[in-house]
Structure formats: C-alpha cells, structure tokens
Amino acid sequence: MSVEAAIVAHLKADSSLSAQVGGRVFPSQLPQQATLPAITYVRISRLATQHRSNMRAKHHRSRIQFDIWAASYASMQTVKSAFMDAMALLPQASNPRIDVALIQDDRDNLDADTERQRATIDYFVWHTGD
C-alpha cells in the first residue's frame, strides 16, 4: 500500500472528518461537479533517506499537499479542524509504517475561478515503503 493510500484510508475512517466530507477525498484535483466539502491531495515530492549500510533506501520523507474545498469560509474552517485532528492521529505501525506527519505550510484562500473557499495544508510525512 502506498503512503497516500494509507493516509486516505485513515482519513476516511476518522468519524469526525467523515461526518463532514464522507468519502469525498480525491487524488490530484476536485471533480467538476463534486459535492462540497471535499478534500484533494497530491504528493509534491519524496526524498529517500539512506544509511550507508543499506543499498536501497527504506525510509522516505514525502511532502503531501492537501486542499480542503468548501462553499463557505465557516464550512472550510470546520472541515479543516477535523482534518488536522485526524492527521494528528496518523502515525501507524503497519505497512507502510508512518512515523510522523508535520505541518509545513497552512494557508486559506478563495479560488477566484470557482468562488470556492480553499485551505491548502502541506505535510512532511516520514514513512517506510512507497
């Protein structure tokens, strides 16, 4: 399982967040007629960390960007709060093992083209596997 798939499974299993967005967690971009609120995600980068005794890196630091989409600022803030609470509980011992997820950037804005409220939150996620 990829780190992205593990994170999405975790987010969808969180009762507080799923009460807000249901299963509306999409890779890359928001579908055109998506019901709001919803979340999109994309991996921005992945850096392999290698120890000199290992021929192949087993540990990675991935930067993953999440966008929270909503029709109103208040709704976006409510979903953002539930999302951040869910991400705080992310570390897991199974494959892939996720050691920690730390916020690197957090910004709110209005998407001028669609007039949707959007929060963009970047995390560094330390993990094993892909």
N, C-alpha and C. Protein backbone atom coordinates (compact mmCIF):
# COMPACT_ATOMS: atom_id res chain seq x y z
N MET A 1 0.85 -1.17 0.00
CA MET A 1 0.00 0.00 0.00
C MET A 1 0.90 1.24 0.00
N SER A 2 0.57 2.22 -0.81
CA SER A 2 1.34 3.47 -0.84
C SER A 2 1.03 4.30 0.39
N VAL A 3 1.91 5.25 0.68
CA VAL A 3 1.68 6.13 1.83
C VAL A 3 0.42 6.96 1.60
N GLU A 4 0.17 7.37 0.35
CA GLU A 4 -1.04 8.14 0.06
C GLU A 4 -2.29 7.32 0.35
N ALA A 5 -2.29 6.07 -0.09
CA ALA A 5 -3.45 5.19 0.15
C ALA A 5 -3.67 4.97 1.64
N ALA A 6 -2.58 4.83 2.40
CA ALA A 6 -2.70 4.65 3.85
C ALA A 6 -3.29 5.89 4.51
N ILE A 7 -2.87 7.06 4.06
CA ILE A 7 -3.40 8.30 4.62
C ILE A 7 -4.88 8.47 4.28
N VAL A 8 -5.24 8.20 3.03
CA VAL A 8 -6.64 8.32 2.63
C VAL A 8 -7.52 7.36 3.42
N ALA A 9 -7.06 6.12 3.60
CA ALA A 9 -7.83 5.15 4.39
C ALA A 9 -8.01 5.66 5.82
N HIS A 10 -6.95 6.23 6.37
CA HIS A 10 -7.02 6.79 7.72
C HIS A 10 -8.03 7.93 7.79
N LEU A 11 -7.98 8.84 6.83
CA LEU A 11 -8.89 9.99 6.82
C LEU A 11 -10.35 9.55 6.68
N LYS A 12 -10.60 8.59 5.79
CA LYS A 12 -11.96 8.11 5.58
C LYS A 12 -12.50 7.36 6.80
N ALA A 13 -11.61 6.78 7.60
CA ALA A 13 -12.02 6.03 8.79
C ALA A 13 -12.26 6.93 9.99
N ASP A 14 -11.81 8.18 9.92
CA ASP A 14 -11.99 9.10 11.04
C ASP A 14 -13.44 9.56 11.08
N SER A 15 -14.14 9.27 12.17
CA SER A 15 -15.59 9.53 12.23
C SER A 15 -15.93 11.01 12.18
N SER A 16 -15.15 11.86 12.82
CA SER A 16 -15.43 13.30 12.80
C SER A 16 -15.25 13.89 11.40
N LEU A 17 -14.17 13.50 10.73
CA LEU A 17 -13.92 14.01 9.39
C LEU A 17 -14.91 13.43 8.38
N SER A 18 -15.19 12.13 8.49
CA SER A 18 -16.12 11.53 7.53
C SER A 18 -17.54 12.07 7.70
N ALA A 19 -17.88 12.55 8.89
CA ALA A 19 -19.18 13.19 9.07
C ALA A 19 -19.27 14.48 8.25
N GLN A 20 -18.12 15.09 8.00
CA GLN A 20 -18.08 16.34 7.21
C GLN A 20 -17.97 16.09 5.71
N VAL A 21 -17.08 15.19 5.31
CA VAL A 21 -16.81 15.01 3.87
C VAL A 21 -17.21 13.66 3.32
N GLY A 22 -17.66 12.75 4.17
CA GLY A 22 -18.00 11.41 3.68
C GLY A 22 -16.77 10.77 3.07
N GLY A 23 -16.90 10.22 1.89
CA GLY A 23 -15.78 9.60 1.19
C GLY A 23 -15.16 10.51 0.14
N ARG A 24 -15.45 11.80 0.20
CA ARG A 24 -15.00 12.73 -0.84
C ARG A 24 -13.56 13.19 -0.60
N VAL A 25 -12.63 12.25 -0.80
CA VAL A 25 -11.20 12.52 -0.71
C VAL A 25 -10.62 12.05 -2.05
N PHE A 26 -10.17 13.01 -2.87
CA PHE A 26 -9.80 12.73 -4.25
C PHE A 26 -8.33 13.00 -4.52
N PRO A 27 -7.70 12.16 -5.37
CA PRO A 27 -6.31 12.44 -5.76
C PRO A 27 -6.25 13.58 -6.78
N SER A 28 -5.24 14.40 -6.65
CA SER A 28 -4.87 15.41 -7.63
C SER A 28 -5.83 16.59 -7.76
N GLN A 29 -7.03 16.40 -8.29
CA GLN A 29 -7.92 17.53 -8.47
C GLN A 29 -9.36 17.18 -8.13
N LEU A 30 -10.11 18.21 -7.85
CA LEU A 30 -11.51 18.06 -7.50
C LEU A 30 -12.33 17.79 -8.76
N PRO A 31 -13.17 16.76 -8.77
CA PRO A 31 -14.04 16.54 -9.93
C PRO A 31 -14.92 17.77 -10.18
N GLN A 32 -15.30 18.02 -11.42
CA GLN A 32 -16.03 19.23 -11.78
C GLN A 32 -17.30 19.46 -10.99
N GLN A 33 -18.10 18.46 -10.81
CA GLN A 33 -19.38 18.62 -10.12
C GLN A 33 -19.38 18.00 -8.72
N ALA A 34 -18.23 18.00 -8.08
CA ALA A 34 -18.10 17.37 -6.76
C ALA A 34 -18.97 18.08 -5.73
N THR A 35 -19.56 17.29 -4.86
CA THR A 35 -20.29 17.83 -3.72
C THR A 35 -19.27 18.35 -2.72
N LEU A 36 -19.55 19.50 -2.14
CA LEU A 36 -18.67 20.10 -1.14
C LEU A 36 -19.26 19.94 0.24
N PRO A 37 -18.45 19.88 1.27
CA PRO A 37 -16.99 19.98 1.25
C PRO A 37 -16.33 18.70 0.78
N ALA A 38 -15.08 18.85 0.36
CA ALA A 38 -14.29 17.72 -0.13
C ALA A 38 -12.81 18.02 0.08
N ILE A 39 -11.99 16.99 -0.09
CA ILE A 39 -10.54 17.11 0.09
C ILE A 39 -9.85 16.53 -1.14
N THR A 40 -8.80 17.21 -1.60
CA THR A 40 -7.92 16.66 -2.62
C THR A 40 -6.51 16.57 -2.05
N TYR A 41 -5.70 15.71 -2.66
CA TYR A 41 -4.32 15.54 -2.20
C TYR A 41 -3.41 15.23 -3.38
N VAL A 42 -2.15 15.60 -3.23
CA VAL A 42 -1.14 15.27 -4.23
C VAL A 42 0.22 15.21 -3.53
N ARG A 43 1.04 14.23 -3.93
CA ARG A 43 2.39 14.18 -3.39
C ARG A 43 3.24 15.16 -4.18
N ILE A 44 3.86 16.10 -3.49
CA ILE A 44 4.69 17.13 -4.10
C ILE A 44 6.10 16.60 -4.34
N SER A 45 6.62 15.86 -3.37
CA SER A 45 7.97 15.33 -3.50
C SER A 45 8.15 14.15 -2.55
N ARG A 46 9.22 13.39 -2.82
CA ARG A 46 9.60 12.31 -1.92
C ARG A 46 11.11 12.23 -1.90
N LEU A 47 11.66 12.28 -0.71
CA LEU A 47 13.10 12.21 -0.53
C LEU A 47 13.42 10.91 0.19
N ALA A 48 14.23 10.08 -0.43
CA ALA A 48 14.66 8.83 0.20
C ALA A 48 15.81 9.12 1.13
N THR A 49 15.77 8.53 2.31
CA THR A 49 16.89 8.65 3.24
C THR A 49 17.56 7.29 3.31
N GLN A 50 18.85 7.29 3.10
CA GLN A 50 19.59 6.04 3.00
C GLN A 50 20.74 6.03 3.99
N HIS A 51 20.90 4.92 4.67
CA HIS A 51 22.03 4.72 5.57
C HIS A 51 23.12 4.00 4.78
N ARG A 52 24.36 4.26 5.10
CA ARG A 52 25.44 3.67 4.32
C ARG A 52 25.46 2.15 4.34
N SER A 53 24.79 1.52 5.31
CA SER A 53 24.76 0.06 5.34
C SER A 53 23.63 -0.52 4.48
N ASN A 54 22.77 0.35 3.96
CA ASN A 54 21.66 -0.11 3.11
C ASN A 54 21.94 0.24 1.66
N MET A 55 21.73 -0.70 0.77
CA MET A 55 21.90 -0.43 -0.65
C MET A 55 20.69 0.32 -1.21
N ARG A 56 19.54 0.08 -0.64
CA ARG A 56 18.32 0.72 -1.10
C ARG A 56 17.67 1.43 0.08
N ALA A 57 17.26 2.65 -0.15
CA ALA A 57 16.64 3.42 0.92
C ALA A 57 15.31 2.79 1.34
N LYS A 58 15.09 2.73 2.64
CA LYS A 58 13.85 2.16 3.16
C LYS A 58 12.97 3.21 3.81
N HIS A 59 13.52 4.36 4.07
CA HIS A 59 12.78 5.43 4.75
C HIS A 59 12.66 6.62 3.82
N HIS A 60 11.52 7.29 3.90
CA HIS A 60 11.26 8.41 3.00
C HIS A 60 10.62 9.56 3.76
N ARG A 61 10.82 10.75 3.21
CA ARG A 61 10.10 11.92 3.68
C ARG A 61 9.35 12.45 2.47
N SER A 62 8.03 12.30 2.51
CA SER A 62 7.19 12.78 1.41
C SER A 62 6.52 14.08 1.82
N ARG A 63 6.47 15.02 0.89
CA ARG A 63 5.70 16.25 1.09
C ARG A 63 4.38 16.06 0.36
N ILE A 64 3.29 16.09 1.12
CA ILE A 64 1.96 15.87 0.55
C ILE A 64 1.11 17.11 0.80
N GLN A 65 0.50 17.59 -0.26
CA GLN A 65 -0.36 18.77 -0.17
C GLN A 65 -1.82 18.33 -0.15
N PHE A 66 -2.56 18.85 0.80
CA PHE A 66 -3.99 18.61 0.92
C PHE A 66 -4.72 19.92 0.70
N ASP A 67 -5.80 19.88 -0.08
CA ASP A 67 -6.66 21.04 -0.26
C ASP A 67 -8.04 20.69 0.26
N ILE A 68 -8.55 21.55 1.10
CA ILE A 68 -9.91 21.39 1.64
C ILE A 68 -10.78 22.39 0.92
N TRP A 69 -11.84 21.90 0.28
CA TRP A 69 -12.73 22.72 -0.53
C TRP A 69 -14.09 22.82 0.14
N ALA A 70 -14.65 24.02 0.16
CA ALA A 70 -15.98 24.21 0.76
C ALA A 70 -16.66 25.41 0.10
N ALA A 71 -17.96 25.48 0.28
CA ALA A 71 -18.75 26.58 -0.30
C ALA A 71 -18.65 27.84 0.54
N SER A 72 -18.36 27.70 1.83
CA SER A 72 -18.27 28.87 2.70
C SER A 72 -17.00 28.79 3.55
N TYR A 73 -16.58 29.95 4.03
CA TYR A 73 -15.40 30.01 4.88
C TYR A 73 -15.62 29.23 6.18
N ALA A 74 -16.80 29.36 6.77
CA ALA A 74 -17.09 28.66 8.03
C ALA A 74 -17.04 27.14 7.83
N SER A 75 -17.60 26.66 6.74
CA SER A 75 -17.57 25.22 6.46
C SER A 75 -16.13 24.75 6.25
N MET A 76 -15.35 25.52 5.52
CA MET A 76 -13.96 25.16 5.28
C MET A 76 -13.19 25.07 6.59
N GLN A 77 -13.41 26.01 7.49
CA GLN A 77 -12.72 26.00 8.78
C GLN A 77 -13.13 24.80 9.64
N THR A 78 -14.41 24.42 9.58
CA THR A 78 -14.88 23.26 10.34
C THR A 78 -14.22 21.98 9.84
N VAL A 79 -14.18 21.82 8.51
CA VAL A 79 -13.56 20.63 7.92
C VAL A 79 -12.06 20.65 8.18
N LYS A 80 -11.45 21.80 8.07
CA LYS A 80 -10.01 21.92 8.31
C LYS A 80 -9.65 21.48 9.73
N SER A 81 -10.44 21.87 10.69
CA SER A 81 -10.19 21.49 12.08
C SER A 81 -10.28 19.96 12.24
N ALA A 82 -11.32 19.35 11.68
CA ALA A 82 -11.47 17.88 11.77
C ALA A 82 -10.34 17.18 11.03
N PHE A 83 -9.94 17.73 9.88
CA PHE A 83 -8.84 17.16 9.10
C PHE A 83 -7.53 17.18 9.91
N MET A 84 -7.23 18.32 10.51
CA MET A 84 -5.98 18.44 11.27
C MET A 84 -5.99 17.53 12.50
N ASP A 85 -7.14 17.36 13.12
CA ASP A 85 -7.24 16.42 14.24
C ASP A 85 -6.97 15.00 13.77
N ALA A 86 -7.52 14.63 12.61
CA ALA A 86 -7.30 13.28 12.06
C ALA A 86 -5.83 13.08 11.71
N MET A 87 -5.20 14.08 11.11
CA MET A 87 -3.78 13.95 10.74
C MET A 87 -2.89 13.83 11.97
N ALA A 88 -3.29 14.42 13.08
CA ALA A 88 -2.50 14.31 14.31
C ALA A 88 -2.47 12.88 14.83
N LEU A 89 -3.45 12.07 14.45
CA LEU A 89 -3.53 10.67 14.88
C LEU A 89 -3.00 9.72 13.81
N LEU A 90 -2.32 10.24 12.80
CA LEU A 90 -1.89 9.44 11.65
C LEU A 90 -0.83 8.38 11.92
N PRO A 91 0.20 8.62 12.72
CA PRO A 91 1.25 7.60 12.82
C PRO A 91 0.69 6.20 13.05
N GLN A 92 1.25 5.25 12.29
CA GLN A 92 0.78 3.87 12.36
C GLN A 92 1.95 2.92 12.22
N ALA A 93 1.77 1.73 12.74
CA ALA A 93 2.85 0.75 12.75
C ALA A 93 2.79 -0.22 11.57
N SER A 94 1.68 -0.24 10.83
CA SER A 94 1.54 -1.21 9.75
C SER A 94 2.22 -0.72 8.47
N ASN A 95 2.19 -1.55 7.45
CA ASN A 95 2.85 -1.25 6.19
C ASN A 95 1.98 -0.37 5.30
N PRO A 96 2.41 0.82 4.93
CA PRO A 96 3.69 1.40 5.29
C PRO A 96 3.66 1.96 6.71
N ARG A 97 4.79 1.86 7.37
CA ARG A 97 4.87 2.46 8.70
C ARG A 97 5.00 3.97 8.53
N ILE A 98 4.14 4.70 9.21
CA ILE A 98 4.20 6.17 9.19
C ILE A 98 4.65 6.61 10.57
N ASP A 99 5.80 7.25 10.62
CA ASP A 99 6.36 7.67 11.90
C ASP A 99 5.76 8.98 12.40
N VAL A 100 5.65 9.96 11.51
CA VAL A 100 5.15 11.27 11.92
C VAL A 100 4.71 12.05 10.68
N ALA A 101 3.74 12.93 10.87
CA ALA A 101 3.30 13.87 9.84
C ALA A 101 3.32 15.27 10.47
N LEU A 102 4.12 16.16 9.90
CA LEU A 102 4.28 17.50 10.46
C LEU A 102 3.86 18.55 9.44
N ILE A 103 3.07 19.52 9.89
CA ILE A 103 2.62 20.59 9.01
C ILE A 103 3.81 21.45 8.59
N GLN A 104 3.89 21.73 7.30
CA GLN A 104 4.94 22.60 6.77
C GLN A 104 4.38 23.93 6.29
N ASP A 105 3.12 23.95 5.90
CA ASP A 105 2.51 25.17 5.39
C ASP A 105 1.00 25.06 5.56
N ASP A 106 0.37 26.19 5.85
CA ASP A 106 -1.09 26.21 6.07
C ASP A 106 -1.59 27.58 5.61
N ARG A 107 -2.40 27.57 4.57
CA ARG A 107 -2.91 28.85 4.06
C ARG A 107 -4.36 28.70 3.61
N ASP A 108 -5.12 29.77 3.78
CA ASP A 108 -6.52 29.82 3.37
C ASP A 108 -6.64 30.81 2.22
N ASN A 109 -7.51 30.48 1.26
CA ASN A 109 -7.74 31.43 0.18
C ASN A 109 -9.06 31.14 -0.51
N LEU A 110 -9.47 32.08 -1.33
CA LEU A 110 -10.67 31.95 -2.14
C LEU A 110 -10.22 31.62 -3.55
N ASP A 111 -10.74 30.53 -4.12
CA ASP A 111 -10.44 30.20 -5.51
C ASP A 111 -11.29 31.13 -6.38
N ALA A 112 -10.65 32.08 -7.03
CA ALA A 112 -11.37 33.12 -7.77
C ALA A 112 -12.19 32.57 -8.93
N ASP A 113 -11.71 31.51 -9.57
CA ASP A 113 -12.43 30.95 -10.72
C ASP A 113 -13.74 30.30 -10.32
N THR A 114 -13.76 29.61 -9.20
CA THR A 114 -14.95 28.86 -8.80
C THR A 114 -15.69 29.49 -7.63
N GLU A 115 -15.08 30.48 -6.98
CA GLU A 115 -15.61 31.13 -5.78
C GLU A 115 -15.81 30.14 -4.63
N ARG A 116 -14.98 29.11 -4.61
CA ARG A 116 -14.96 28.15 -3.51
C ARG A 116 -13.89 28.55 -2.51
N GLN A 117 -14.17 28.30 -1.25
CA GLN A 117 -13.17 28.52 -0.21
C GLN A 117 -12.22 27.33 -0.23
N ARG A 118 -10.94 27.61 0.00
CA ARG A 118 -9.95 26.54 -0.06
C ARG A 118 -8.89 26.76 1.01
N ALA A 119 -8.57 25.69 1.71
CA ALA A 119 -7.43 25.67 2.63
C ALA A 119 -6.40 24.72 2.03
N THR A 120 -5.16 25.15 1.96
CA THR A 120 -4.08 24.31 1.46
C THR A 120 -3.12 24.05 2.61
N ILE A 121 -2.90 22.77 2.89
CA ILE A 121 -2.04 22.38 4.01
C ILE A 121 -1.03 21.36 3.49
N ASP A 122 0.25 21.68 3.65
CA ASP A 122 1.32 20.76 3.27
C ASP A 122 1.87 20.08 4.51
N TYR A 123 2.09 18.77 4.37
CA TYR A 123 2.69 17.98 5.45
C TYR A 123 3.95 17.30 4.94
N PHE A 124 4.96 17.21 5.80
CA PHE A 124 6.05 16.28 5.60
C PHE A 124 5.66 15.02 6.36
N VAL A 125 5.69 13.87 5.65
CA VAL A 125 5.32 12.59 6.25
C VAL A 125 6.54 11.68 6.17
N TRP A 126 7.04 11.25 7.33
CA TRP A 126 8.15 10.31 7.40
C TRP A 126 7.58 8.90 7.44
N HIS A 127 8.04 8.04 6.52
CA HIS A 127 7.44 6.71 6.39
C HIS A 127 8.40 5.72 5.76
N THR A 128 8.04 4.43 5.84
CA THR A 128 8.75 3.40 5.12
C THR A 128 7.89 3.03 3.90
N GLY A 129 8.47 2.30 2.96
CA GLY A 129 7.72 1.86 1.79
C GLY A 129 7.56 2.98 0.78
N ASP A 130 6.67 2.75 -0.19
CA ASP A 130 6.47 3.72 -1.28
C ASP A 130 5.71 4.95 -0.86
